[in-house]
């Protein structure tokens, strides 16, 4: 999966495939949080639990 990128939310550890349903983010949570500062990502994906 060389074409995946890190989620655009700074604290998130997930990867995102091009053309995903949330754009450059892994979830609606990360998309809505954008560039907000959080202590922990709450996207509920396994990489961030």
PDB file of N, CA and C in Angstrom:
ATOM      1  N   UNK A   1       0.830  -1.196   0.000  1.00  0.00           N
ATOM      2  CA  UNK A   1       0.000   0.000   0.000  1.00  0.00           C
ATOM      3  C   UNK A   1       0.869   1.253   0.000  1.00  0.00           C
ATOM      4  N   UNK A   2       1.695   1.370  -0.989  1.00  0.00           N
ATOM      5  CA  UNK A   2       2.613   2.495  -1.068  1.00  0.00           C
ATOM      6  C   UNK A   2       1.902   3.800  -1.387  1.00  0.00           C
ATOM      7  N   UNK A   3       0.671   3.731  -1.847  1.00  0.00           N
ATOM      8  CA  UNK A   3      -0.029   4.955  -2.222  1.00  0.00           C
ATOM      9  C   UNK A   3      -0.889   5.527  -1.096  1.00  0.00           C
ATOM     10  N   UNK A   4      -0.795   4.983   0.113  1.00  0.00           N
ATOM     11  CA  UNK A   4      -1.546   5.539   1.240  1.00  0.00           C
ATOM     12  C   UNK A   4      -0.755   6.665   1.894  1.00  0.00           C
ATOM     13  N   UNK A   5      -1.485   7.550   2.550  1.00  0.00           N
ATOM     14  CA  UNK A   5      -0.863   8.673   3.253  1.00  0.00           C
ATOM     15  C   UNK A   5      -1.401   8.719   4.680  1.00  0.00           C
ATOM     16  N   UNK A   6      -0.707   9.418   5.547  1.00  0.00           N
ATOM     17  CA  UNK A   6      -1.174   9.627   6.905  1.00  0.00           C
ATOM     18  C   UNK A   6      -2.393  10.539   6.868  1.00  0.00           C
ATOM     19  N   UNK A   7      -3.336  10.280   7.744  1.00  0.00           N
ATOM     20  CA  UNK A   7      -4.514  11.144   7.890  1.00  0.00           C
ATOM     21  C   UNK A   7      -4.054  12.587   8.130  1.00  0.00           C
ATOM     22  N   UNK A   8      -4.774  13.548   7.586  1.00  0.00           N
ATOM     23  CA  UNK A   8      -4.392  14.961   7.680  1.00  0.00           C
ATOM     24  C   UNK A   8      -4.611  15.559   9.072  1.00  0.00           C
ATOM     25  N   UNK A   9      -5.329  14.871   9.938  1.00  0.00           N
ATOM     26  CA  UNK A   9      -5.498  15.365  11.310  1.00  0.00           C
ATOM     27  C   UNK A   9      -4.165  15.140  12.033  1.00  0.00           C
ATOM     28  N   UNK A  10      -3.564  16.178  12.583  1.00  0.00           N
ATOM     29  CA  UNK A  10      -2.208  16.085  13.121  1.00  0.00           C
ATOM     30  C   UNK A  10      -1.963  14.971  14.136  1.00  0.00           C
ATOM     31  N   UNK A  11      -2.888  14.682  15.018  1.00  0.00           N
ATOM     32  CA  UNK A  11      -2.669  13.698  16.076  1.00  0.00           C
ATOM     33  C   UNK A  11      -3.035  12.275  15.654  1.00  0.00           C
ATOM     34  N   UNK A  12      -3.754  12.112  14.566  1.00  0.00           N
ATOM     35  CA  UNK A  12      -4.220  10.798  14.113  1.00  0.00           C
ATOM     36  C   UNK A  12      -3.065   9.966  13.560  1.00  0.00           C
ATOM     37  N   UNK A  13      -3.130   8.652  13.796  1.00  0.00           N
ATOM     38  CA  UNK A  13      -2.092   7.731  13.344  1.00  0.00           C
ATOM     39  C   UNK A  13      -2.544   6.860  12.175  1.00  0.00           C
ATOM     40  N   UNK A  14      -3.748   7.066  11.687  1.00  0.00           N
ATOM     41  CA  UNK A  14      -4.316   6.247  10.615  1.00  0.00           C
ATOM     42  C   UNK A  14      -3.718   6.600   9.252  1.00  0.00           C
ATOM     43  N   UNK A  15      -3.880   5.667   8.313  1.00  0.00           N
ATOM     44  CA  UNK A  15      -3.494   5.928   6.929  1.00  0.00           C
ATOM     45  C   UNK A  15      -4.754   6.028   6.074  1.00  0.00           C
ATOM     46  N   UNK A  16      -4.639   6.756   4.988  1.00  0.00           N
ATOM     47  CA  UNK A  16      -5.773   7.022   4.113  1.00  0.00           C
ATOM     48  C   UNK A  16      -5.385   6.704   2.675  1.00  0.00           C
ATOM     49  N   UNK A  17      -6.252   5.968   1.985  1.00  0.00           N
ATOM     50  CA  UNK A  17      -6.035   5.674   0.573  1.00  0.00           C
ATOM     51  C   UNK A  17      -6.548   6.837  -0.272  1.00  0.00           C
ATOM     52  N   UNK A  18      -5.920   7.123  -1.385  1.00  0.00           N
ATOM     53  CA  UNK A  18      -6.397   8.193  -2.264  1.00  0.00           C
ATOM     54  C   UNK A  18      -7.833   7.925  -2.720  1.00  0.00           C
ATOM     55  N   UNK A  19      -8.625   8.960  -2.779  1.00  0.00           N
ATOM     56  CA  UNK A  19      -9.997   8.832  -3.242  1.00  0.00           C
ATOM     57  C   UNK A  19     -10.952   8.275  -2.206  1.00  0.00           C
ATOM     58  N   UNK A  20     -10.547   8.288  -0.937  1.00  0.00           N
ATOM     59  CA  UNK A  20     -11.403   7.782   0.126  1.00  0.00           C
ATOM     60  C   UNK A  20     -12.621   8.671   0.348  1.00  0.00           C
ATOM     61  N   UNK A  21     -13.611   8.184   1.071  1.00  0.00           N
ATOM     62  CA  UNK A  21     -14.857   8.932   1.268  1.00  0.00           C
ATOM     63  C   UNK A  21     -14.706  10.216   2.084  1.00  0.00           C
ATOM     64  N   UNK A  22     -13.611  10.340   2.822  1.00  0.00           N
ATOM     65  CA  UNK A  22     -13.411  11.521   3.668  1.00  0.00           C
ATOM     66  C   UNK A  22     -12.268  12.402   3.171  1.00  0.00           C
ATOM     67  N   UNK A  23     -11.875  12.206   1.932  1.00  0.00           N
ATOM     68  CA  UNK A  23     -10.781  12.994   1.372  1.00  0.00           C
ATOM     69  C   UNK A  23      -9.455  12.620   1.983  1.00  0.00           C
ATOM     70  N   UNK A  24      -8.742  13.591   2.519  1.00  0.00           N
ATOM     71  CA  UNK A  24      -7.421  13.334   3.110  1.00  0.00           C
ATOM     72  C   UNK A  24      -7.500  12.930   4.583  1.00  0.00           C
ATOM     73  N   UNK A  25      -8.714  12.726   5.080  1.00  0.00           N
ATOM     74  CA  UNK A  25      -8.925  12.307   6.467  1.00  0.00           C
ATOM     75  C   UNK A  25      -9.427  10.868   6.519  1.00  0.00           C
ATOM     76  N   UNK A  26      -9.278  10.193   7.657  1.00  0.00           N
ATOM     77  CA  UNK A  26      -9.696   8.796   7.779  1.00  0.00           C
ATOM     78  C   UNK A  26     -11.143   8.638   8.226  1.00  0.00           C
ATOM     79  N   UNK A  27     -11.741   9.709   8.771  1.00  0.00           N
ATOM     80  CA  UNK A  27     -13.095   9.599   9.312  1.00  0.00           C
ATOM     81  C   UNK A  27     -13.757  10.969   9.373  1.00  0.00           C
ATOM     82  N   UNK A  28     -15.060  10.956   9.636  1.00  0.00           N
ATOM     83  CA  UNK A  28     -15.772  12.224   9.839  1.00  0.00           C
ATOM     84  C   UNK A  28     -15.226  12.967  11.047  1.00  0.00           C
ATOM     85  N   UNK A  29     -14.853  12.220  12.099  1.00  0.00           N
ATOM     86  CA  UNK A  29     -14.307  12.866  13.297  1.00  0.00           C
ATOM     87  C   UNK A  29     -13.075  13.697  12.951  1.00  0.00           C
ATOM     88  N   UNK A  30     -12.147  13.095  12.233  1.00  0.00           N
ATOM     89  CA  UNK A  30     -10.921  13.811  11.877  1.00  0.00           C
ATOM     90  C   UNK A  30     -11.208  14.964  10.921  1.00  0.00           C
ATOM     91  N   UNK A  31     -12.124  14.770  10.000  1.00  0.00           N
ATOM     92  CA  UNK A  31     -12.480  15.823   9.049  1.00  0.00           C
ATOM     93  C   UNK A  31     -13.078  17.024   9.779  1.00  0.00           C
ATOM     94  N   UNK A  32     -13.952  16.776  10.744  1.00  0.00           N
ATOM     95  CA  UNK A  32     -14.579  17.855  11.507  1.00  0.00           C
ATOM     96  C   UNK A  32     -13.594  18.516  12.468  1.00  0.00           C
ATOM     97  N   UNK A  33     -12.635  17.740  12.975  1.00  0.00           N
ATOM     98  CA  UNK A  33     -11.647  18.291  13.908  1.00  0.00           C
ATOM     99  C   UNK A  33     -10.591  19.117  13.185  1.00  0.00           C
ATOM    100  N   UNK A  34     -10.358  18.794  11.916  1.00  0.00           N
ATOM    101  CA  UNK A  34      -9.423  19.555  11.096  1.00  0.00           C
ATOM    102  C   UNK A  34      -8.081  19.773  11.755  1.00  0.00           C
ATOM    103  N   UNK A  35      -7.744  20.997  12.001  1.00  0.00           N
ATOM    104  CA  UNK A  35      -6.453  21.341  12.594  1.00  0.00           C
ATOM    105  C   UNK A  35      -6.561  21.690  14.078  1.00  0.00           C
ATOM    106  N   UNK A  36      -7.667  21.326  14.727  1.00  0.00           N
ATOM    107  CA  UNK A  36      -7.808  21.567  16.162  1.00  0.00           C
ATOM    108  C   UNK A  36      -6.775  20.747  16.920  1.00  0.00           C
ATOM    109  N   UNK A  37      -6.333  21.271  18.026  1.00  0.00           N
ATOM    110  CA  UNK A  37      -5.384  20.563  18.860  1.00  0.00           C
ATOM    111  C   UNK A  37      -6.133  19.639  19.805  1.00  0.00           C
ATOM    112  N   UNK A  38      -5.811  18.364  19.755  1.00  0.00           N
ATOM    113  CA  UNK A  38      -6.387  17.369  20.645  1.00  0.00           C
ATOM    114  C   UNK A  38      -5.247  16.613  21.301  1.00  0.00           C
ATOM    115  N   UNK A  39      -5.482  16.093  22.491  1.00  0.00           N
ATOM    116  CA  UNK A  39      -4.467  15.298  23.165  1.00  0.00           C
ATOM    117  C   UNK A  39      -4.435  13.876  22.626  1.00  0.00           C
ATOM    118  N   UNK A  40      -5.592  13.416  22.129  1.00  0.00           N
ATOM    119  CA  UNK A  40      -5.707  12.051  21.646  1.00  0.00           C
ATOM    120  C   UNK A  40      -6.746  12.027  20.533  1.00  0.00           C
ATOM    121  N   UNK A  41      -6.472  11.283  19.492  1.00  0.00           N
ATOM    122  CA  UNK A  41      -7.426  11.151  18.396  1.00  0.00           C
ATOM    123  C   UNK A  41      -8.580  10.261  18.832  1.00  0.00           C
ATOM    124  N   UNK A  42      -9.791  10.646  18.502  1.00  0.00           N
ATOM    125  CA  UNK A  42     -10.978   9.893  18.906  1.00  0.00           C
ATOM    126  C   UNK A  42     -11.730   9.363  17.685  1.00  0.00           C
ATOM    127  N   UNK A  43     -10.997   8.973  16.642  1.00  0.00           N
ATOM    128  CA  UNK A  43     -11.645   8.481  15.429  1.00  0.00           C
ATOM    129  C   UNK A  43     -12.177   7.057  15.583  1.00  0.00           C
ATOM    130  N   UNK A  44     -11.768   6.374  16.620  1.00  0.00           N
ATOM    131  CA  UNK A  44     -12.195   5.007  16.953  1.00  0.00           C
ATOM    132  C   UNK A  44     -11.597   3.915  16.070  1.00  0.00           C
ATOM    133  N   UNK A  45     -10.636   4.243  15.219  1.00  0.00           N
ATOM    134  CA  UNK A  45      -9.945   3.214  14.441  1.00  0.00           C
ATOM    135  C   UNK A  45      -8.890   2.534  15.308  1.00  0.00           C
ATOM    136  N   UNK A  46      -8.551   1.320  14.991  1.00  0.00           N
ATOM    137  CA  UNK A  46      -7.635   0.522  15.778  1.00  0.00           C
ATOM    138  C   UNK A  46      -6.280   1.202  16.001  1.00  0.00           C
ATOM    139  N   UNK A  47      -5.766   1.889  15.010  1.00  0.00           N
ATOM    140  CA  UNK A  47      -4.451   2.555  15.137  1.00  0.00           C
ATOM    141  C   UNK A  47      -4.451   3.646  16.199  1.00  0.00           C
ATOM    142  N   UNK A  48      -5.593   4.199  16.507  1.00  0.00           N
ATOM    143  CA  UNK A  48      -5.668   5.320  17.462  1.00  0.00           C
ATOM    144  C   UNK A  48      -6.248   4.933  18.826  1.00  0.00           C
ATOM    145  N   UNK A  49      -6.575   3.695  19.003  1.00  0.00           N
ATOM    146  CA  UNK A  49      -7.128   3.272  20.300  1.00  0.00           C
ATOM    147  C   UNK A  49      -6.047   3.062  21.311  1.00  0.00           C
TER     148      UNK A  49
END
